[in-house]
């Protein structure tokens, strides 16, 4: 499932290949991805327009349209955003394609259709309507803001990290990596973390996500790009702790699969 590092990669693809280019044609291959938005409305708003600014908030990507309003992209479980130089090279499961004047296309793909593409008038209003918490890598989201966001929460720390209304951007996979690097049991209650552990959690959250973004690693793709000692490549049956070599424990925390090292994290 695409998480913050994946979506940051999609944003960079959009910025590099699509900004300020005239959209010559819009192709919607499956109208379900637009939800209640009419295909005709979507096409008319975008054909002949340009995308001029791209922003990411958590797992959501938005791009400002020069005529007004914003294109919104959410990737669900299997979504991607790819640039293709030739229109005939459309990737499998492309649901929406933006063809640019001259050549080249931006393809939104989604195999399982758990995601959505849309239009909104204001990006800030969209974030509020989605009830998204602060972006995990927002410069304004310092340790004091983090403490305020999680203060008094009695749920498991892994569940809190994945709650998009508390912190936007972290999913099942990167929550495991963050907790492993912070040496915290995923099932520990957030309100029971010692001050030192809470600070460690915050610092590792920022460090892990920045490292993944910087190396171009995703949640399931390019995990080999993470530095030596990362948990991600070992999140599998028979996986072993990259720190001490112990077999990883696989459990359910908040209904989601969690990988952790019993020796390093006390799980």
Protein backbone atom coordinates (compact mmCIF):
# COMPACT_ATOMS: atom_id res chain seq x y z
CA UNK A 1 0.00 0.00 0.00
CA UNK A 2 1.50 3.37 -0.99
CA UNK A 3 2.62 5.38 2.03
CA UNK A 4 4.24 8.78 2.43
CA UNK A 5 7.56 7.86 0.71
CA UNK A 6 5.71 6.36 -2.28
CA UNK A 7 3.44 9.37 -2.68
CA UNK A 8 6.38 11.75 -2.37
CA UNK A 9 7.90 9.82 -5.28
CA UNK A 10 4.68 10.22 -7.28
CA UNK A 11 4.75 13.94 -6.52
CA UNK A 12 8.28 14.23 -7.86
CA UNK A 13 7.27 12.37 -11.01
CA UNK A 14 4.42 14.82 -11.53
CA UNK A 15 6.63 17.85 -10.91
CA UNK A 16 9.36 16.60 -13.23
CA UNK A 17 7.18 15.47 -16.12
CA UNK A 18 3.83 17.27 -16.00
CA UNK A 19 3.94 20.74 -14.45
CA UNK A 20 3.23 23.63 -16.82
CA UNK A 21 2.46 21.29 -19.73
CA UNK A 22 -0.81 21.68 -21.60
CA UNK A 23 -3.16 18.73 -21.14
CA UNK A 24 -4.25 17.88 -24.66
CA UNK A 25 -6.59 15.01 -23.82
CA UNK A 26 -8.04 13.32 -20.73
CA UNK A 27 -8.90 9.64 -20.90
CA UNK A 28 -10.97 8.04 -18.12
CA UNK A 29 -10.88 4.27 -18.60
CA UNK A 30 -12.99 3.44 -15.57
CA UNK A 31 -15.40 6.07 -14.25
CA UNK A 32 -15.66 4.34 -10.87
CA UNK A 33 -12.34 5.86 -9.85
CA UNK A 34 -14.00 9.31 -9.97
CA UNK A 35 -16.71 8.36 -7.48
CA UNK A 36 -19.70 10.69 -7.90
CA UNK A 37 -17.80 13.11 -10.13
CA UNK A 38 -19.11 13.05 -13.71
CA UNK A 39 -16.57 12.09 -16.35
CA UNK A 40 -17.65 15.00 -18.55
CA UNK A 41 -17.05 17.51 -15.74
CA UNK A 42 -13.64 16.02 -15.00
CA UNK A 43 -12.60 16.08 -18.66
CA UNK A 44 -13.82 19.63 -19.32
CA UNK A 45 -11.97 21.00 -16.29
CA UNK A 46 -8.67 19.49 -17.36
CA UNK A 47 -8.51 19.45 -21.15
CA UNK A 48 -6.55 22.48 -22.34
CA UNK A 49 -5.44 23.29 -18.79
CA UNK A 50 -2.07 23.05 -17.04
CA UNK A 51 -1.04 21.76 -13.63
CA UNK A 52 1.06 24.47 -12.01
CA UNK A 53 1.76 23.39 -8.40
CA UNK A 54 1.95 19.97 -6.72
CA UNK A 55 1.59 19.27 -3.00
CA UNK A 56 1.51 16.14 -0.89
CA UNK A 57 -0.27 15.77 2.43
CA UNK A 58 0.18 12.35 3.97
CA UNK A 59 -0.88 9.80 1.37
CA UNK A 60 -2.75 12.35 -0.75
CA UNK A 61 -1.37 14.21 -3.75
CA UNK A 62 -2.96 17.39 -5.08
CA UNK A 63 -2.07 19.54 -8.09
CA UNK A 64 -3.32 23.07 -8.74
CA UNK A 65 -5.01 23.70 -12.08
CA UNK A 66 -4.20 26.99 -13.80
CA UNK A 67 -7.92 27.60 -14.46
CA UNK A 68 -8.70 27.24 -10.77
CA UNK A 69 -9.27 24.31 -8.47
CA UNK A 70 -7.15 21.27 -7.72
CA UNK A 71 -6.75 17.74 -9.05
CA UNK A 72 -6.72 15.21 -6.18
CA UNK A 73 -5.11 11.77 -6.24
CA UNK A 74 -5.35 9.06 -3.60
CA UNK A 75 -3.69 5.73 -4.28
CA UNK A 76 -5.50 3.31 -1.98
CA UNK A 77 -3.95 -0.16 -1.87
CA UNK A 78 -2.38 -0.50 -5.32
CA UNK A 79 -2.33 2.91 -6.98
CA UNK A 80 0.64 4.46 -8.79
CA UNK A 81 1.40 7.50 -10.91
CA UNK A 82 3.65 6.92 -13.91
CA UNK A 83 4.91 9.01 -16.79
CA UNK A 84 4.96 7.25 -20.16
CA UNK A 85 6.80 8.78 -23.09
CA UNK A 86 4.52 7.21 -25.70
CA UNK A 87 0.76 6.92 -25.33
CA UNK A 88 0.80 3.42 -26.79
CA UNK A 89 2.83 2.30 -23.75
CA UNK A 90 -0.07 2.75 -21.32
CA UNK A 91 0.58 0.69 -18.15
CA UNK A 92 -1.84 -2.08 -17.10
CA UNK A 93 -4.80 -0.99 -14.96
CA UNK A 94 -4.59 2.65 -16.05
CA UNK A 95 -7.81 4.33 -14.87
CA UNK A 96 -7.05 7.96 -15.77
CA UNK A 97 -4.56 9.25 -18.32
CA UNK A 98 -3.52 12.83 -19.01
CA UNK A 99 -2.05 13.23 -22.49
CA UNK A 100 0.14 16.27 -23.00
CA UNK A 101 0.50 18.41 -26.10
CA UNK A 102 3.40 17.10 -28.10
CA UNK A 103 3.93 13.72 -26.47
CA UNK A 104 3.96 11.93 -23.16
CA UNK A 105 1.24 11.00 -20.69
CA UNK A 106 0.72 10.82 -16.97
CA UNK A 107 -1.03 7.57 -16.05
CA UNK A 108 -2.86 6.92 -12.79
CA UNK A 109 -3.03 3.15 -12.35
CA UNK A 110 -4.92 1.18 -9.73
CA UNK A 111 -5.38 -2.59 -9.96
CA UNK A 112 -7.80 -3.01 -7.06
CA UNK A 113 -9.71 0.25 -7.51
CA UNK A 114 -9.27 1.18 -3.85
CA UNK A 115 -8.38 4.80 -4.39
CA UNK A 116 -9.84 7.84 -6.07
CA UNK A 117 -9.21 10.74 -8.40
CA UNK A 118 -11.18 13.96 -8.09
CA UNK A 119 -11.45 17.72 -8.25
CA UNK A 120 -11.76 20.23 -5.41
CA UNK A 121 -11.83 23.99 -5.25
CA UNK A 122 -9.35 24.45 -2.40
CA UNK A 123 -6.50 22.25 -1.19
CA UNK A 124 -6.69 23.31 2.45
CA UNK A 125 -10.43 22.68 2.55
CA UNK A 126 -9.81 19.25 1.03
CA UNK A 127 -7.34 18.33 3.78
CA UNK A 128 -9.84 19.48 6.41
CA UNK A 129 -12.71 17.58 4.77
CA UNK A 130 -10.61 14.40 4.75
CA UNK A 131 -9.95 14.96 8.48
CA UNK A 132 -6.22 14.54 7.98
CA UNK A 133 -3.82 15.18 10.82
CA UNK A 134 -0.49 16.97 10.34
CA UNK A 135 1.77 15.56 7.66
CA UNK A 136 4.46 13.42 9.30
CA UNK A 137 7.24 15.40 7.59
CA UNK A 138 5.74 18.88 7.82
CA UNK A 139 8.43 21.26 9.09
CA UNK A 140 5.90 22.73 11.49
CA UNK A 141 5.21 19.30 13.01
CA UNK A 142 7.91 19.51 15.66
CA UNK A 143 8.21 17.41 18.81
CA UNK A 144 5.88 19.65 20.80
CA UNK A 145 3.22 19.34 18.11
CA UNK A 146 3.76 15.57 18.03
CA UNK A 147 3.28 15.33 21.81
CA UNK A 148 0.09 17.36 21.53
CA UNK A 149 -1.22 15.10 18.74
CA UNK A 150 -0.71 11.85 20.67
CA UNK A 151 -1.21 13.08 24.26
CA UNK A 152 -3.47 10.86 26.34
CA UNK A 153 -4.03 8.30 23.57
CA UNK A 154 -4.63 4.88 25.11
CA UNK A 155 -4.36 2.84 21.93
CA UNK A 156 -1.39 0.78 20.76
CA UNK A 157 1.43 2.93 19.45
CA UNK A 158 1.36 1.22 16.04
CA UNK A 159 -2.34 1.98 15.67
CA UNK A 160 -1.78 5.62 16.57
CA UNK A 161 1.01 6.01 14.03
CA UNK A 162 -1.29 4.65 11.31
CA UNK A 163 -4.26 6.85 12.25
CA UNK A 164 -4.43 9.43 9.46
CA UNK A 165 -6.47 11.78 11.63
CA UNK A 166 -3.59 11.90 14.13
CA UNK A 167 -0.57 11.83 11.79
CA UNK A 168 -0.95 11.72 8.00
CA UNK A 169 1.28 9.55 5.85
CA UNK A 170 2.28 6.45 7.82
CA UNK A 171 0.81 3.04 7.07
CA UNK A 172 1.30 -0.55 8.15
CA UNK A 173 4.74 -1.06 6.67
CA UNK A 174 6.53 2.11 7.72
CA UNK A 175 5.02 2.01 11.19
CA UNK A 176 6.86 -1.28 11.70
CA UNK A 177 10.13 0.22 10.47
CA UNK A 178 9.78 3.27 12.71
CA UNK A 179 8.98 1.19 15.78
CA UNK A 180 11.84 -1.20 15.07
CA UNK A 181 14.35 1.64 14.81
CA UNK A 182 12.93 3.20 17.99
CA UNK A 183 13.06 -0.20 19.78
CA UNK A 184 9.42 0.06 20.83
CA UNK A 185 6.88 -2.76 21.07
CA UNK A 186 4.10 -2.09 18.48
CA UNK A 187 1.49 -3.19 21.04
CA UNK A 188 2.67 -0.79 23.77
CA UNK A 189 0.08 1.80 24.70
CA UNK A 190 0.96 5.28 23.55
CA UNK A 191 0.10 6.88 26.89
CA UNK A 192 2.47 4.51 28.69
CA UNK A 193 5.59 5.42 26.74
CA UNK A 194 8.33 6.98 28.86
CA UNK A 195 9.36 10.52 27.83
CA UNK A 196 12.61 9.21 26.37
CA UNK A 197 10.81 6.58 24.31
CA UNK A 198 8.33 9.17 23.02
CA UNK A 199 11.15 11.44 21.88
CA UNK A 200 12.90 8.47 20.26
CA UNK A 201 9.70 7.57 18.45
CA UNK A 202 9.35 11.07 17.02
CA UNK A 203 12.97 11.28 15.91
CA UNK A 204 12.86 7.86 14.26
CA UNK A 205 9.59 8.70 12.53
CA UNK A 206 11.23 11.69 10.90
CA UNK A 207 14.51 9.93 10.18
CA UNK A 208 13.01 6.77 8.67
CA UNK A 209 10.64 8.68 6.39
CA UNK A 210 13.29 11.17 5.27
CA UNK A 211 15.70 8.33 4.57
CA UNK A 212 13.12 6.45 2.51
CA UNK A 213 12.25 9.56 0.52
CA UNK A 214 15.90 10.41 -0.04
CA UNK A 215 16.75 6.91 -1.26
CA UNK A 216 13.64 6.48 -3.36
CA UNK A 217 12.40 3.53 -1.32
CA UNK A 218 8.71 2.69 -1.19
CA UNK A 219 6.53 0.60 1.05
CA UNK A 220 6.79 -2.50 -1.13
CA UNK A 221 9.00 -1.46 -4.05
CA UNK A 222 12.69 -0.64 -3.86
CA UNK A 223 12.96 -1.69 -0.20
CA UNK A 224 16.51 -2.78 -0.99
CA UNK A 225 17.38 0.91 -1.20
CA UNK A 226 16.91 1.31 2.54
CA UNK A 227 20.16 1.32 4.55
CA UNK A 228 21.64 -1.80 6.08
CA UNK A 229 19.89 -2.63 9.35
CA UNK A 230 16.40 -1.78 8.09
CA UNK A 231 13.46 -4.00 8.88
CA UNK A 232 11.60 -3.60 5.58
CA UNK A 233 13.46 -6.31 3.60
CA UNK A 234 12.78 -8.80 6.42
CA UNK A 235 9.01 -8.19 6.67
CA UNK A 236 8.16 -11.68 5.45
CA UNK A 237 7.60 -15.18 6.72
CA UNK A 238 10.87 -16.44 8.16
CA UNK A 239 12.30 -12.94 8.40
CA UNK A 240 15.02 -12.23 10.94
CA UNK A 241 15.97 -9.16 12.88
CA UNK A 242 18.63 -7.22 10.94
CA UNK A 243 20.12 -6.12 14.26
CA UNK A 244 20.41 -9.29 16.36
CA UNK A 245 19.38 -12.07 13.99
CA UNK A 246 16.42 -13.29 16.06
CA UNK A 247 13.35 -14.61 14.20
CA UNK A 248 10.80 -11.84 13.81
CA UNK A 249 7.47 -12.15 15.59
CA UNK A 250 4.35 -11.70 13.47
CA UNK A 251 1.22 -10.60 15.31
CA UNK A 252 -1.95 -8.56 14.96
CA UNK A 253 -2.06 -5.06 16.41
CA UNK A 254 -5.21 -3.06 15.93
CA UNK A 255 -6.30 -5.54 13.29
CA UNK A 256 -3.14 -5.07 11.21
CA UNK A 257 -0.16 -7.35 10.77
CA UNK A 258 2.88 -6.27 12.78
CA UNK A 259 6.47 -7.48 12.45
CA UNK A 260 8.79 -6.94 15.39
CA UNK A 261 11.86 -8.37 17.10
CA UNK A 262 11.05 -9.96 20.50
CA UNK A 263 14.60 -9.36 21.68
CA UNK A 264 15.06 -5.75 20.53
CA UNK A 265 11.49 -4.53 21.04
CA UNK A 266 10.16 -6.74 23.82
CA UNK A 267 7.14 -7.84 21.83
